[in-house]
Each structure stands twice: as structure tokens, then as C-alpha cells.
Amino acid sequence: MAASKKAVLGPLVGAVDQGTSSTRFLVFNSKTAELLSHHQVEIKQEFPREGWVEQDPKEILHSVYECIEKTCEKLGQLNIDISNIKAIGVSNQRETTVVWDKLTGEPLYNAVVWLDLRTQSTVESLSKRIPGNNNFVKSKTGLPLSTYFSAVKLRWLLDNVKKVQKAVEEKRALFGTIDSWLIWSLTGGVNGGVHCTDVTNASRTMLFNIHSLEWDKQLCEFFGIPMEILPNVRSSSEIYGLMKAGALEGVPISGCLGDQSAALVGQMCFQNGQAKNTYGTGCFLLCNTGHKCVFSDHGLLTTVAYKLGRDKPVYYALEGSVAIAGAVIRWLRDNLGIIKTSEEIEKLAKEVGTSYGCYFVPAFSGLYAPYWEPSARGIICGLTQFTNKCHIAFAALEAVCFQTREILDAMNRDCGIPLSHLQVDGGMTSNKILMQLQADILYIPVVKPSMPETTALGAAMAAGAAEGVGVWSLEPEDLSAVTMERFEPQINAEESEIRYSTWKKAVMKSMGWVTTQSPESGDPSIFCSLPLGFFIVSSMVMLIGARYISGIP
């Protein structure tokens, strides 16, 4: 029997989408932007101590290889020839920090994840060294001094991990965000791997001058970072190297964007003033500000949006970052067990259709934009005996929407032109209750593309458009029209404002819970920083005990 004929398609482009919760590999048709196949693997997060968040860099790398192999198998089953894949793009969780040995290829410590809070005391001691009238860190990087960014994580590794210290002394150490670790490994690792990053990821390290687009000597000296361990900075769209193993050996890796910049490109926000919001582990609203750095007076970050080619101009963005969005759903599943799968949250919320006055502030890693308040911790308030898990589920979804509203308000004040609608993407956008809530709370329409994988699409577009690949046109007239789903506000503006002002009251109550003194010091205030789950479980135990004693079944 003759072998079945392979389907003939235009050139294809693959995208590695390495996020905080999962890794995916997706393959697109470069002429139509159609998603042909993909595979996803969930990534473990480790919490060695309260506030610490780590991942295994080798697990991340293996997950990338697994996703590529499985996607190629699926394409084979669809009679699609994988030799049509002409390029690969990489998008990644941005500030997560890895240091590895360039001679052995082994990570010298776990990846310290962007959410990690262990560096709070490092941040406090460094901030004392910044003159009040000259915040050169913010003016050069566009970023506030925070646990969020890579430089302080790298400083912690240099101060606390002997293997890292020794490797730096012996000139064996390489530093990178996840994109650098993956590109170095995929292009050969110890056998000639390319040590690079792109401007979008570099702009999240706090070591990169966003005006000159170079590593900054003054910043590296301030943080005590040896410049020789840093990757070479390249544009977001050029050939970095070739795949050296696996089903796609020999295919160029030619696109690299931090996940939020990738989503901005995937949503085709190429014009000044266009904005998108991505709902993933965290929530990130980016507004394209063109060739101009706009500095925020309302708690937003100034960041590099993209640079789509060596000789192409750089574009900047204003960004509002929320630490906990999808992560709150994972927390309800893994820590409290009130849902078995993330999808169940929509069903629970739908049962009640209201939080019944219950408000949830998921400040598990402090509050990011617009507050930048590391002392905040998660709280659920407004509880009554009537409150049940459905109300808490609804309040968790509302929390994501309220946090987005805070950022949008800040962005409107900074830009001076309120957004007429919000373009959205990311895994959580499949939740229709969340999307409707978002429209109600913002009181503007929410517009969602029918294909929500815009982060991977952006990485694929950058890779396919690279010089020497040239299979994806970024000319406006050539970009495929995307069908959209639209959610209109369904409540009156007054109700929207009442709910929002009550949420802000809850946010104020979440602040000031934590001091930087260690739990070992015996400081009674540390009781305030016990995990939220401790209080919920304790309350449940007391309630069950009381019901038992009083004879209530």
C-alpha cells in the first residue's frame, strides 16, 4: 500500500512558549496565521520557603524538547511535513533568572522565578544607596527597584550560592533569563551554544539601558554584577543559531521576545496607543508608545516593546504588571482543593453570579503595579456565614478584573487618552464569566481574538519575518484579519464604581502585613505573614469544632 501523501502547505513557523505554569510548542501557517498543532506540558513550581518560588531549568529544557517532539508527531498524523517548518521563535517568562556552567551545561542553582520575594532585604539595602534626587536606576531602566527584576535575583545568587560564586571566579558562569538558557541549550550548549538575549528580555533585568540599548556599566557596578556573564543583546527578529538536536535539527531559531512583548506583536498592536492585556499566571497590560520612552507618574513600568530586526527601530511600551491572575485559580485548586481543574472555577462562579460582598485580594507576592508594595499579603474579606466556595470562586475572578481596572486607570492618566476598548489574550480568556466581568468592571468593551494563542503567534511572526528566513510579512496589508469576540458592559456605571471602590478598600487592608525580619527572629509580627490558607483552615477547624460541640450536624 502506498504511503499516504503529505499535505502541501505554505511555509510553517514554530514557536516555543515557555511560561511560568507550562511550556508549549505551537506551529503556525505563515501565510494565514492558522494554528495547525501544538503540545503543552505543565511545569512544576517549588516553594522551598514562604515567598520563595523556584523551577528546575533542566525540567524546563526537557519540557521544550518534549513539546517539540510531540507536536511534530501530531503534525505527522495530520499528514503535514515537518520539513515545511522554516523557523522557530521563543517567548518566555521574562525576569526568571538562571545561572549555569558553560563547561558542563549544568544549572548552578534552580531558576529563581519572577514572583520570588526572597530579595526584599537586598532591595531595601540597595534603595538606601540611590540618591533621592537622582534615581539613575529608574531613569536608565524604566523600572522601580523591586524583587520582580533579574538583577536583584542574580545579586542574591552571587551572595548566597557557593557554586555560583566559584563558577564566576573561575570564569565558567553564564547568566540569562529563560530565553537565554533555552537558546544556548538548543543551539548546542557546551558545543558552541549561542549565549544571547533580545532587547525585550534584557530590558527586564535592571542592568540594561533602554535608551542606548546596551548593558550599562554604572548599573552593573551598582548591583555588583560582572559584565562578562551577561548574554549578547540582539534584536527580537534575527537568526541567532540553528537547532542542534531533535526532530527540527538544522531549523534556525530566529525570533525572541519576552512573553508580554510577544503578545503585543501577536495582537498586532503596532501603532502608538494600541494596548493589550494578557491573562496568564500574572496579568500584564502593555500600551505601545512608539519610538518614545514614556515615563509613568502612576506606578507603571517603561519597557522595550520590540525591535523587529537588526536595522529596524526600537518601540517602547508602558506596562502595568499584576503578579497574581491565573495563579489564584491554581492556588484554589492546589492549596485549598475547592476545585479539581482550573476550568471548574467558571462553573462555581456561574452558580451564584455574585461574590455576595466577598472580596479577594490575591497579594501572594505583594502588590505590583500601581502600588509596588511588597508588604502586602493575600486577604479574603467581607465573609459571612452565608459565604461559600462559589462566592470565593467568583471573588477570585473579580480580583483579576479589579487589578486590571487599577492598571487601566493608571495608563489612562499617563497617556491622557482613555482606551475605547481592551484587547485581551491568554489562557484565562476562555472563561466567559471572567471576560464579561472584565467588561462590566472596566465599563468598556473587551475584545478577544478567536485564536487566543497570541503570545506564541507573536514569537512565530518575529521568527518568520527575520532576515534570512522571510516567510512572514509584517506589512499591514499582508497581516491576516483576525475574527474577534466582543463582550459589552452589562451593568450600570454606578454599580461598577461601587464594586471597584469596595475592592480598593480591601486592597488597603492587605498592605503592611509583613516585616522583613526573618521568622527565626521570633518577632510576633511574623504571625501576620502566615499564609492565607493557614487562617482559612484554622477558621474551618474552629467552625467544625463549634458545630460539633453545639450538636449541629
Protein backbone atom coordinates (compact mmCIF):
# COMPACT_ATOMS: atom_id res chain seq x y z
CA MET A 1 0.00 0.00 0.00
CA ALA A 2 1.43 3.41 -0.97
CA ALA A 3 2.36 5.80 1.82
CA SER A 4 -0.28 8.48 2.32
CA LYS A 5 0.63 11.73 0.63
CA LYS A 6 1.78 14.57 2.87
CA ALA A 7 -0.46 17.64 2.83
CA VAL A 8 1.15 20.54 0.96
CA LEU A 9 1.03 23.80 2.93
CA GLY A 10 2.83 27.11 2.74
CA PRO A 11 5.91 27.66 4.92
CA LEU A 12 5.32 26.89 8.61
CA VAL A 13 6.82 28.54 11.71
CA GLY A 14 7.14 27.02 15.17
CA ALA A 15 7.03 28.86 18.50
CA VAL A 16 8.27 27.80 21.91
CA ASP A 17 6.05 29.48 24.53
CA GLN A 18 7.77 28.90 27.87
CA GLY A 19 5.56 30.30 30.62
CA THR A 20 5.53 30.15 34.41
CA SER A 21 2.93 27.38 34.56
CA SER A 22 3.59 25.46 31.36
CA THR A 23 5.68 25.00 28.23
CA ARG A 24 4.10 24.77 24.78
CA PHE A 25 5.28 24.34 21.23
CA LEU A 26 2.89 25.59 18.54
CA VAL A 27 3.12 25.51 14.75
CA PHE A 28 1.51 28.16 12.52
CA ASN A 29 0.94 28.56 8.78
CA SER A 30 2.93 31.72 7.97
CA LYS A 31 0.53 32.79 5.19
CA THR A 32 -2.72 32.54 7.16
CA ALA A 33 -1.54 32.64 10.84
CA GLU A 34 -3.62 29.47 11.35
CA LEU A 35 -2.59 27.31 14.32
CA LEU A 36 -2.01 23.80 12.95
CA SER A 37 -0.97 21.84 16.04
CA HIS A 38 0.55 22.18 19.49
CA HIS A 39 1.55 20.30 22.64
CA GLN A 40 1.63 21.51 26.25
CA VAL A 41 3.39 20.29 29.41
CA GLU A 42 2.71 21.71 32.90
CA ILE A 43 5.83 22.92 34.77
CA LYS A 44 6.38 22.33 38.49
CA GLN A 45 6.89 25.29 40.79
CA GLU A 46 8.84 24.71 44.00
CA PHE A 47 8.30 26.74 47.18
CA PRO A 48 11.29 25.90 49.43
CA ARG A 49 10.32 28.64 51.91
CA GLU A 50 7.50 31.11 52.21
CA GLY A 51 7.87 33.73 49.48
CA TRP A 52 10.44 31.67 47.54
CA VAL A 53 9.49 30.40 44.07
CA GLU A 54 11.86 28.20 42.05
CA GLN A 55 11.83 25.97 38.97
CA ASP A 56 14.24 23.36 37.64
CA PRO A 57 15.96 24.74 34.47
CA LYS A 58 16.60 21.19 33.22
CA GLU A 59 12.92 20.29 33.60
CA ILE A 60 12.08 23.43 31.58
CA LEU A 61 14.56 22.45 28.84
CA HIS A 62 13.30 18.84 28.73
CA SER A 63 9.72 20.11 28.50
CA VAL A 64 10.68 22.16 25.42
CA TYR A 65 12.18 19.10 23.70
CA GLU A 66 9.13 17.02 24.66
CA CYS A 67 6.69 19.61 23.29
CA ILE A 68 8.63 19.90 20.01
CA GLU A 69 8.75 16.11 19.52
CA LYS A 70 5.07 15.58 20.41
CA THR A 71 3.90 18.45 18.16
CA CYS A 72 5.95 17.04 15.26
CA GLU A 73 4.32 13.62 15.85
CA LYS A 74 0.85 15.26 15.77
CA LEU A 75 1.74 17.07 12.52
CA GLY A 76 2.78 13.72 11.04
CA GLN A 77 -0.60 12.26 11.98
CA LEU A 78 -2.20 15.18 10.09
CA ASN A 79 -0.01 14.36 7.05
CA ILE A 80 1.83 17.69 7.44
CA ASP A 81 5.51 17.52 6.50
CA ILE A 82 7.65 18.99 9.31
CA SER A 83 10.35 19.93 6.76
CA ASN A 84 8.00 22.86 5.99
CA ILE A 85 8.91 24.37 9.40
CA LYS A 86 11.32 27.12 8.33
CA ALA A 87 11.98 28.91 11.63
CA ILE A 88 11.39 28.81 15.38
CA GLY A 89 10.60 31.69 17.73
CA VAL A 90 10.97 31.72 21.52
CA SER A 91 8.78 33.56 24.01
CA ASN A 92 9.40 33.20 27.73
CA GLN A 93 8.59 34.22 31.30
CA ARG A 94 10.79 37.30 31.45
CA GLU A 95 12.56 38.07 34.75
CA THR A 96 13.12 34.48 35.89
CA THR A 97 16.86 34.09 36.48
CA VAL A 98 19.22 31.21 35.68
CA VAL A 99 22.99 30.83 36.17
CA TRP A 100 24.72 27.83 34.60
CA ASP A 101 28.17 26.37 33.97
CA LYS A 102 29.27 26.87 30.36
CA LEU A 103 31.72 23.94 30.56
CA THR A 104 29.28 21.30 31.84
CA GLY A 105 25.95 22.82 30.76
CA GLU A 106 24.60 22.24 34.29
CA PRO A 107 22.50 24.87 36.10
CA LEU A 108 24.31 26.05 39.26
CA TYR A 109 21.03 26.61 41.14
CA ASN A 110 17.31 26.39 40.42
CA ALA A 111 15.76 29.16 38.31
CA VAL A 112 14.64 31.95 40.66
CA VAL A 113 11.15 32.82 39.34
CA TRP A 114 9.94 36.39 38.73
CA LEU A 115 7.34 36.00 41.54
CA ASP A 116 10.04 35.19 44.13
CA LEU A 117 10.26 37.51 47.18
CA ARG A 118 13.50 36.41 48.89
CA THR A 119 15.35 39.54 47.72
CA GLN A 120 13.27 42.05 49.70
CA SER A 121 16.10 42.83 52.15
CA THR A 122 18.51 43.16 49.17
CA VAL A 123 16.11 45.67 47.58
CA GLU A 124 15.86 47.67 50.83
CA SER A 125 19.64 47.89 51.32
CA LEU A 126 20.17 48.87 47.64
CA SER A 127 17.46 51.55 47.74
CA LYS A 128 19.33 53.32 50.54
CA ARG A 129 22.20 53.82 48.09
CA ILE A 130 20.08 55.62 45.46
CA PRO A 131 20.18 59.42 45.88
CA GLY A 132 16.67 60.81 46.45
CA ASN A 133 17.04 63.46 43.73
CA ASN A 134 18.65 61.16 41.13
CA ASN A 135 17.05 57.76 40.68
CA PHE A 136 19.51 56.74 37.98
CA VAL A 137 18.21 53.15 38.10
CA LYS A 138 14.69 54.16 37.08
CA SER A 139 15.82 56.78 34.54
CA LYS A 140 18.09 54.26 32.75
CA THR A 141 15.87 51.14 33.02
CA GLY A 142 12.28 52.46 33.29
CA LEU A 143 11.82 50.15 36.30
CA PRO A 144 11.35 50.66 40.05
CA LEU A 145 13.80 48.85 42.34
CA SER A 146 11.83 45.68 43.11
CA THR A 147 12.14 41.96 43.85
CA TYR A 148 10.44 41.43 40.45
CA PHE A 149 13.51 42.04 38.25
CA SER A 150 16.54 39.86 37.48
CA ALA A 151 19.41 41.99 38.84
CA VAL A 152 18.42 41.53 42.50
CA LYS A 153 17.83 37.79 41.98
CA LEU A 154 21.29 37.49 40.43
CA ARG A 155 22.77 39.51 43.30
CA TRP A 156 21.16 37.06 45.77
CA LEU A 157 22.65 34.06 43.90
CA LEU A 158 26.11 35.68 43.94
CA ASP A 159 25.81 36.38 47.68
CA ASN A 160 24.32 33.05 48.79
CA VAL A 161 25.23 30.18 46.45
CA LYS A 162 28.84 28.96 46.70
CA LYS A 163 28.64 27.09 43.36
CA VAL A 164 27.67 30.33 41.63
CA GLN A 165 30.42 32.32 43.38
CA LYS A 166 33.07 29.74 42.44
CA ALA A 167 31.93 29.49 38.80
CA VAL A 168 32.04 33.31 38.47
CA GLU A 169 35.57 33.42 39.95
CA GLU A 170 36.69 30.67 37.56
CA LYS A 171 35.02 32.39 34.53
CA ARG A 172 32.68 29.41 33.99
CA ALA A 173 29.37 31.11 34.81
CA LEU A 174 26.75 32.32 32.34
CA PHE A 175 23.64 34.27 33.36
CA GLY A 176 20.39 34.53 31.47
CA THR A 177 16.64 34.77 31.60
CA ILE A 178 14.84 31.62 30.38
CA ASP A 179 15.16 32.64 26.70
CA SER A 180 18.98 32.73 27.01
CA TRP A 181 19.11 29.35 28.77
CA LEU A 182 16.90 27.77 26.09
CA ILE A 183 18.62 29.33 23.05
CA TRP A 184 22.10 28.43 24.42
CA SER A 185 20.97 24.84 25.07
CA LEU A 186 19.02 24.37 21.80
CA THR A 187 21.87 25.76 19.65
CA GLY A 188 24.46 23.34 21.03
CA GLY A 189 25.04 24.16 24.71
CA VAL A 190 28.62 23.23 25.65
CA ASN A 191 29.29 22.56 21.94
CA GLY A 192 29.07 26.12 20.65
CA GLY A 193 25.70 27.22 22.09
CA VAL A 194 24.82 30.85 21.38
CA HIS A 195 24.67 32.98 24.56
CA CYS A 196 22.24 35.77 23.68
CA THR A 197 19.03 37.52 24.63
CA ASP A 198 16.84 40.10 22.93
CA VAL A 199 16.15 43.72 23.84
CA THR A 200 12.74 42.96 25.41
CA ASN A 201 14.12 40.42 27.88
CA ALA A 202 17.25 42.49 28.55
CA SER A 203 15.02 45.44 29.46
CA ARG A 204 13.61 43.40 32.41
CA THR A 205 16.94 42.71 34.10
CA MET A 206 17.57 46.22 35.57
CA LEU A 207 21.07 46.06 34.05
CA PHE A 208 20.09 47.32 30.58
CA ASN A 209 19.97 50.93 29.42
CA ILE A 210 16.71 51.23 27.45
CA HIS A 211 17.94 54.41 25.70
CA SER A 212 21.33 53.16 24.42
CA LEU A 213 20.07 49.51 24.15
CA GLU A 214 23.23 48.21 25.85
CA TRP A 215 24.25 46.66 29.16
CA ASP A 216 25.04 49.60 31.43
CA LYS A 217 28.39 49.73 33.24
CA GLN A 218 27.07 52.00 36.04
CA LEU A 219 24.10 49.69 36.70
CA CYS A 220 26.30 46.57 36.71
CA GLU A 221 28.65 48.25 39.21
CA PHE A 222 25.70 49.34 41.38
CA PHE A 223 24.34 45.76 41.58
CA GLY A 224 27.85 44.23 41.67
CA ILE A 225 27.28 42.10 38.54
CA PRO A 226 30.31 41.04 36.44
CA MET A 227 29.51 42.03 32.83
CA GLU A 228 31.29 39.01 31.33
CA ILE A 229 28.50 36.65 32.49
CA LEU A 230 25.79 38.59 30.60
CA PRO A 231 24.41 37.40 27.22
CA ASN A 232 24.89 39.33 23.96
CA VAL A 233 21.88 41.55 23.28
CA ARG A 234 20.27 41.14 19.85
CA SER A 235 17.09 42.35 18.15
CA SER A 236 13.83 40.40 18.57
CA SER A 237 13.89 39.14 14.97
CA GLU A 238 17.13 37.73 13.50
CA ILE A 239 18.82 34.35 13.16
CA TYR A 240 20.59 33.54 16.45
CA GLY A 241 21.63 29.97 15.61
CA LEU A 242 20.35 26.59 14.41
CA MET A 243 18.63 23.78 16.33
CA LYS A 244 21.31 21.18 17.06
CA ALA A 245 19.16 18.18 18.07
CA GLY A 246 15.72 16.62 17.83
CA ALA A 247 13.12 16.46 15.06
CA LEU A 248 13.83 20.05 13.95
CA GLU A 249 17.62 19.86 13.83
CA GLY A 250 19.02 22.49 11.45
CA VAL A 251 16.00 24.83 11.68
CA PRO A 252 17.01 28.43 12.57
CA ILE A 253 15.92 30.00 15.85
CA SER A 254 15.17 33.50 14.61
CA GLY A 255 12.67 35.15 16.95
CA CYS A 256 12.93 36.01 20.65
CA LEU A 257 10.53 38.09 22.71
CA GLY A 258 9.56 38.24 26.37
CA ASP A 259 6.05 36.82 26.64
CA GLN A 260 4.26 40.15 27.06
CA SER A 261 6.04 41.76 24.11
CA ALA A 262 5.27 38.64 22.07
CA ALA A 263 1.56 39.04 22.89
CA LEU A 264 1.70 42.73 21.87
CA VAL A 265 3.13 41.67 18.47
CA GLY A 266 0.66 38.75 18.20
CA GLN A 267 -2.24 41.16 18.84
CA MET A 268 -0.74 43.33 16.07
CA CYS A 269 -0.54 46.39 18.34
CA PHE A 270 1.99 48.10 16.07
CA GLN A 271 0.53 51.62 16.36
CA ASN A 272 1.19 54.19 19.07
CA GLY A 273 -1.65 53.95 21.66
CA GLN A 274 -2.72 50.36 20.91
CA ALA A 275 -2.88 48.15 24.02
CA LYS A 276 -3.42 44.53 25.03
CA ASN A 277 -3.92 42.67 28.29
CA THR A 278 -2.66 39.10 28.74
CA TYR A 279 -4.23 36.84 31.39
CA GLY A 280 -1.71 34.18 32.40
CA THR A 281 -0.07 33.35 35.75
CA GLY A 282 0.04 37.11 36.19
CA CYS A 283 -1.78 39.81 34.25
CA PHE A 284 0.07 42.26 32.00
CA LEU A 285 -1.32 45.30 30.23
CA LEU A 286 1.01 46.84 27.61
CA CYS A 287 0.41 50.01 25.61
CA ASN A 288 2.60 50.75 22.59
CA THR A 289 4.15 54.25 22.97
CA GLY A 290 6.03 54.19 19.64
CA HIS A 291 9.67 55.30 19.44
CA LYS A 292 9.32 57.37 22.61
CA CYS A 293 10.02 56.27 26.20
CA VAL A 294 7.04 57.45 28.25
CA PHE A 295 7.77 57.54 31.99
CA SER A 296 4.83 56.91 34.28
CA ASP A 297 3.70 59.09 37.17
CA HIS A 298 1.20 56.42 38.27
CA GLY A 299 3.17 53.26 39.06
CA LEU A 300 3.58 51.77 35.57
CA LEU A 301 6.81 50.48 34.02
CA THR A 302 8.55 51.79 30.92
CA THR A 303 9.85 48.87 28.89
CA VAL A 304 11.07 47.85 25.42
CA ALA A 305 8.11 46.61 23.35
CA TYR A 306 10.08 45.07 20.45
CA LYS A 307 12.77 45.65 17.82
CA LEU A 308 11.83 43.53 14.81
CA GLY A 309 15.21 43.35 13.05
CA ARG A 310 18.81 44.48 13.50
CA ASP A 311 18.30 47.62 11.43
CA LYS A 312 14.69 48.23 12.48
CA PRO A 313 13.72 50.91 15.03
CA VAL A 314 13.01 50.10 18.66
CA TYR A 315 9.46 50.50 20.00
CA TYR A 316 8.65 51.15 23.67
CA ALA A 317 5.64 50.39 25.87
CA LEU A 318 4.06 51.39 29.14
CA GLU A 319 3.28 48.30 31.21
CA GLY A 320 1.12 47.51 34.18
CA SER A 321 2.12 44.23 35.87
CA VAL A 322 -0.14 42.21 38.18
CA ALA A 323 1.65 39.32 39.93
CA ILE A 324 -1.33 37.02 40.52
CA ALA A 325 -4.08 36.30 37.98
CA GLY A 326 -4.28 32.69 36.77
CA ALA A 327 -2.09 31.78 39.75
CA VAL A 328 -5.06 32.43 42.06
CA ILE A 329 -7.05 29.72 40.23
CA ARG A 330 -4.13 27.31 40.58
CA TRP A 331 -3.98 28.21 44.30
CA LEU A 332 -7.69 27.44 44.78
CA ARG A 333 -7.07 24.09 43.04
CA ASP A 334 -3.74 23.03 44.61
CA ASN A 335 -3.78 24.69 48.06
CA LEU A 336 -7.46 24.79 49.06
CA GLY A 337 -8.79 22.00 46.84
CA ILE A 338 -12.12 23.73 46.21
CA ILE A 339 -11.78 22.88 42.50
CA LYS A 340 -10.20 19.83 40.85
CA THR A 341 -9.44 21.50 37.50
CA SER A 342 -8.88 25.15 36.60
CA GLU A 343 -11.91 25.05 34.28
CA GLU A 344 -14.27 24.33 37.23
CA ILE A 345 -13.91 27.90 38.52
CA GLU A 346 -16.28 29.15 35.80
CA LYS A 347 -18.96 26.62 36.80
CA LEU A 348 -18.73 27.57 40.51
CA ALA A 349 -18.84 31.30 39.76
CA LYS A 350 -21.82 30.82 37.42
CA GLU A 351 -23.82 29.04 40.17
CA VAL A 352 -24.01 32.23 42.26
CA GLY A 353 -23.39 35.03 39.74
CA THR A 354 -22.11 37.29 42.53
CA SER A 355 -19.47 37.35 45.27
CA TYR A 356 -22.20 38.39 47.75
CA GLY A 357 -19.96 41.11 49.22
CA CYS A 358 -16.89 38.86 49.45
CA TYR A 359 -13.65 40.47 48.18
CA PHE A 360 -10.38 38.63 47.47
CA VAL A 361 -7.02 40.43 47.19
CA PRO A 362 -4.54 37.77 45.98
CA ALA A 363 -1.38 39.65 47.02
CA PHE A 364 0.60 36.42 47.46
CA SER A 365 3.79 38.13 46.22
CA GLY A 366 3.00 41.60 47.47
CA LEU A 367 1.28 44.06 45.15
CA TYR A 368 2.87 45.04 41.83
CA ALA A 369 1.53 47.93 39.70
CA PRO A 370 0.40 50.50 40.54
CA TYR A 371 1.35 50.12 44.23
CA TRP A 372 4.75 48.31 44.27
CA GLU A 373 4.02 47.29 47.85
CA PRO A 374 5.98 44.17 48.92
CA SER A 375 4.50 44.17 52.44
CA ALA A 376 1.00 43.28 51.17
CA ARG A 377 -0.37 39.75 51.52
CA GLY A 378 -3.47 37.96 50.32
CA ILE A 379 -6.75 38.53 52.13
CA ILE A 380 -10.38 37.44 51.71
CA CYS A 381 -12.77 39.83 53.44
CA GLY A 382 -16.49 40.52 53.66
CA LEU A 383 -17.14 36.92 54.73
CA THR A 384 -20.43 35.95 56.39
CA GLN A 385 -21.94 32.59 57.37
CA PHE A 386 -23.70 32.66 54.01
CA THR A 387 -20.40 32.76 52.07
CA ASN A 388 -19.49 29.51 50.34
CA LYS A 389 -16.84 28.28 47.89
CA CYS A 390 -18.86 29.57 44.92
CA HIS A 391 -18.70 33.14 46.27
CA ILE A 392 -14.94 32.79 46.85
CA ALA A 393 -14.52 31.49 43.29
CA PHE A 394 -16.48 34.48 41.95
CA ALA A 395 -14.44 36.88 44.11
CA ALA A 396 -11.20 35.36 42.74
CA LEU A 397 -12.31 36.10 39.15
CA GLU A 398 -13.42 39.59 40.15
CA ALA A 399 -9.99 40.18 41.71
CA VAL A 400 -8.29 39.65 38.34
CA CYS A 401 -10.67 42.20 36.78
CA PHE A 402 -10.29 44.80 39.55
CA GLN A 403 -6.49 44.59 39.31
CA THR A 404 -6.75 45.19 35.55
CA ARG A 405 -9.02 48.21 36.20
CA GLU A 406 -6.40 49.73 38.51
CA ILE A 407 -3.76 49.43 35.80
CA LEU A 408 -6.02 50.75 33.06
CA ASP A 409 -6.87 53.80 35.21
CA ALA A 410 -3.14 54.46 35.69
CA MET A 411 -2.47 54.04 31.95
CA ASN A 412 -5.31 56.40 31.01
CA ARG A 413 -3.86 59.04 33.36
CA ASP A 414 -0.33 58.61 31.95
CA CYS A 415 -1.35 58.61 28.28
CA GLY A 416 -4.15 61.16 28.58
CA ILE A 417 -6.33 59.30 26.06
CA PRO A 418 -8.65 56.68 27.64
CA LEU A 419 -8.83 53.35 25.82
CA SER A 420 -12.10 52.85 23.93
CA HIS A 421 -11.83 49.04 24.25
CA LEU A 422 -9.40 46.47 25.64
CA GLN A 423 -7.80 43.74 23.50
CA VAL A 424 -7.26 40.59 25.56
CA ASP A 425 -5.48 37.25 25.23
CA GLY A 426 -4.05 34.40 27.28
CA GLY A 427 -5.34 31.15 28.76
CA MET A 428 -7.88 32.70 31.13
CA THR A 429 -9.77 34.44 28.30
CA SER A 430 -11.60 31.17 27.54
CA ASN A 431 -13.55 31.86 30.77
CA LYS A 432 -16.65 33.75 29.55
CA ILE A 433 -17.68 34.82 33.08
CA LEU A 434 -14.25 36.44 33.54
CA MET A 435 -14.49 38.26 30.20
CA GLN A 436 -17.99 39.58 30.96
CA LEU A 437 -16.90 40.65 34.46
CA GLN A 438 -13.93 42.46 32.92
CA ALA A 439 -16.18 44.43 30.56
CA ASP A 440 -18.53 45.28 33.46
CA ILE A 441 -15.73 46.43 35.79
CA LEU A 442 -13.86 48.46 33.13
CA TYR A 443 -17.12 49.74 31.67
CA ILE A 444 -15.68 49.46 28.15
CA PRO A 445 -15.93 46.58 25.63
CA VAL A 446 -13.45 43.69 25.90
CA VAL A 447 -12.33 42.27 22.57
CA LYS A 448 -10.90 38.76 22.33
CA PRO A 449 -9.38 37.15 19.23
CA SER A 450 -10.91 33.81 18.21
CA MET A 451 -7.37 32.31 18.39
CA PRO A 452 -6.14 33.31 21.87
CA GLU A 453 -2.55 32.00 21.46
CA THR A 454 -1.23 35.46 20.63
CA THR A 455 1.98 35.12 22.69
CA ALA A 456 3.15 32.16 20.59
CA LEU A 457 1.84 33.86 17.44
CA GLY A 458 3.98 36.95 18.16
CA ALA A 459 7.11 34.81 18.61
CA ALA A 460 6.31 32.98 15.35
CA MET A 461 5.78 36.27 13.49
CA ALA A 462 9.15 37.61 14.69
CA ALA A 463 10.89 34.35 13.69
CA GLY A 464 9.22 34.09 10.27
CA ALA A 465 9.92 37.76 9.42
CA ALA A 466 13.65 37.57 10.26
CA GLU A 467 16.23 38.44 7.60
CA GLY A 468 17.39 35.19 6.00
CA VAL A 469 14.01 33.50 6.74
CA GLY A 470 11.49 35.89 5.19
CA VAL A 471 8.39 33.69 5.23
CA TRP A 472 6.13 36.04 7.28
CA SER A 473 5.27 39.53 6.11
CA LEU A 474 4.67 42.17 8.79
CA GLU A 475 3.34 44.72 6.29
CA PRO A 476 -0.11 45.87 7.50
CA GLU A 477 -1.81 44.90 4.22
CA ASP A 478 -0.39 41.34 4.43
CA LEU A 479 -1.37 40.63 8.05
CA SER A 480 -4.26 38.17 8.32
CA ALA A 481 -7.52 39.62 9.60
CA VAL A 482 -8.41 38.05 12.96
CA THR A 483 -12.00 37.31 13.95
CA MET A 484 -12.93 38.77 17.33
CA GLU A 485 -15.43 38.04 20.09
CA ARG A 486 -16.74 41.15 21.84
CA PHE A 487 -18.04 41.49 25.41
CA GLU A 488 -20.08 44.65 26.15
CA PRO A 489 -20.66 46.03 29.69
CA GLN A 490 -23.99 44.76 31.09
CA ILE A 491 -24.24 46.62 34.39
CA ASN A 492 -24.72 50.33 35.03
CA ALA A 493 -21.72 52.58 35.62
CA GLU A 494 -22.78 53.37 39.22
CA GLU A 495 -22.77 49.70 40.27
CA SER A 496 -19.40 49.23 38.58
CA GLU A 497 -17.94 52.16 40.59
CA ILE A 498 -19.38 50.92 43.93
CA ARG A 499 -17.82 47.46 43.47
CA TYR A 500 -14.49 48.99 42.43
CA SER A 501 -14.34 51.39 45.41
CA THR A 502 -15.09 48.49 47.82
CA TRP A 503 -12.27 46.50 46.20
CA LYS A 504 -9.86 49.42 46.78
CA LYS A 505 -10.88 49.42 50.46
CA ALA A 506 -9.92 45.71 50.62
CA VAL A 507 -6.56 46.45 48.94
CA MET A 508 -5.74 48.98 51.67
CA LYS A 509 -6.40 46.29 54.29
CA SER A 510 -3.97 43.89 52.57
CA MET A 511 -0.98 46.23 52.98
CA GLY A 512 1.62 46.32 55.75
CA TRP A 513 1.23 42.67 56.80
CA VAL A 514 4.88 41.67 56.53
CA THR A 515 8.11 42.95 58.01
CA THR A 516 11.44 41.89 56.54
CA GLN A 517 12.56 40.31 59.83
CA SER A 518 13.08 36.58 59.46
CA PRO A 519 10.68 34.07 61.03
CA GLU A 520 13.62 32.73 63.10
CA SER A 521 13.86 36.06 64.97
CA GLY A 522 10.73 35.28 66.96
CA ASP A 523 9.17 38.64 66.08
CA PRO A 524 5.45 38.35 66.89
CA SER A 525 4.60 40.40 63.78
CA ILE A 526 5.62 37.41 61.68
CA PHE A 527 2.26 35.90 62.66
CA CYS A 528 0.81 38.44 60.24
CA SER A 529 2.72 36.89 57.34
CA LEU A 530 1.44 33.35 57.83
CA PRO A 531 -0.10 32.07 54.61
CA LEU A 532 -3.73 32.96 53.99
CA GLY A 533 -4.53 29.25 53.83
CA PHE A 534 -3.44 28.91 57.49
CA PHE A 535 -6.19 31.30 58.62
CA ILE A 536 -8.83 29.75 56.38
CA VAL A 537 -8.00 26.22 57.54
CA SER A 538 -7.82 27.37 61.20
CA SER A 539 -11.22 29.06 60.86
CA MET A 540 -12.69 25.94 59.28
CA VAL A 541 -11.33 23.76 62.09
CA MET A 542 -12.79 26.11 64.74
CA LEU A 543 -16.14 26.27 62.93
CA ILE A 544 -16.36 22.48 62.61
CA GLY A 545 -15.40 22.16 66.30
CA ALA A 546 -18.06 24.65 67.34
CA ARG A 547 -20.72 22.91 65.29
CA TYR A 548 -19.72 19.55 66.81
CA ILE A 549 -19.85 20.89 70.39
CA SER A 550 -23.22 22.57 69.83
CA GLY A 551 -24.65 19.39 68.32
CA ILE A 552 -25.20 20.86 64.85
CA PRO A 553 -24.80 18.02 62.29
